[in-house]
């Protein structure tokens, strides 16, 4: 069963600290008035243009295995291969900010308004990531409605293109989930359109199942390193060692 999720803009709005940190400005640094004005302008445009919507579909282990194996291009050893068998629930999901905000970013770059375009792009990227966090919360709440599944549940999103799951896995995921129902398509390079979109597998279980040692061969080439931050939230003592 697929569920369409209307995502409140207020729940995914990026904070100034997060946006500036993504642009290389430490939280301890007081931004200039010009930077703050750019951020305010970008957030105002985000609130006007973002049309966040998502889709979620509960699946069984066999459905995931079929989609995961479909591309045949995943790394030989990945975290998901250890995490999924220990999960209490699984769901495919996708979410998007919609086409208008992506188009506005493109228009701003086209007009050589690089400062505002870059700021709005950062605001939208974090907003799209926050859509993933919102979808995690949706599944967690649904599970906690069932007394048999309630408890210490942590839900995390794992996406094709990360942690050894090859980006081509998007094709089988989209065939199963059909996020075209909320306006998300794939191009020939397995990238999503609109660009400010997310997709992947929601994995629910105890916090322990999401902890893994990030020493896989593909970790060396990863520039995102979001797994480190997420595991630090699960366990403040976790380090990259």
Foldseek 3Di string as FASTA:
>chain_A
DKDKFFDDLVQLFDDPQQLVVVVVDHSVDDDDPVLVVLLVVLSVVLNVQFRKMKMKAWDDPVLVVCLQCVVVQFDPDFLCVQLQVQFPTKMKMKMFRDDRLLVVLVVCVVVVVVSSSSSNVSRLLSSQVSVQVVVQVVVLVVQCVDVVRNDQKGKDFDAAPPRRRHLVSLVSSCVVRVCVVVPWDADPVSAIPVNSMGIGMITMDHLVSLDDQQPDPCSVVDPPPVSQVVVCVVPVVDDND
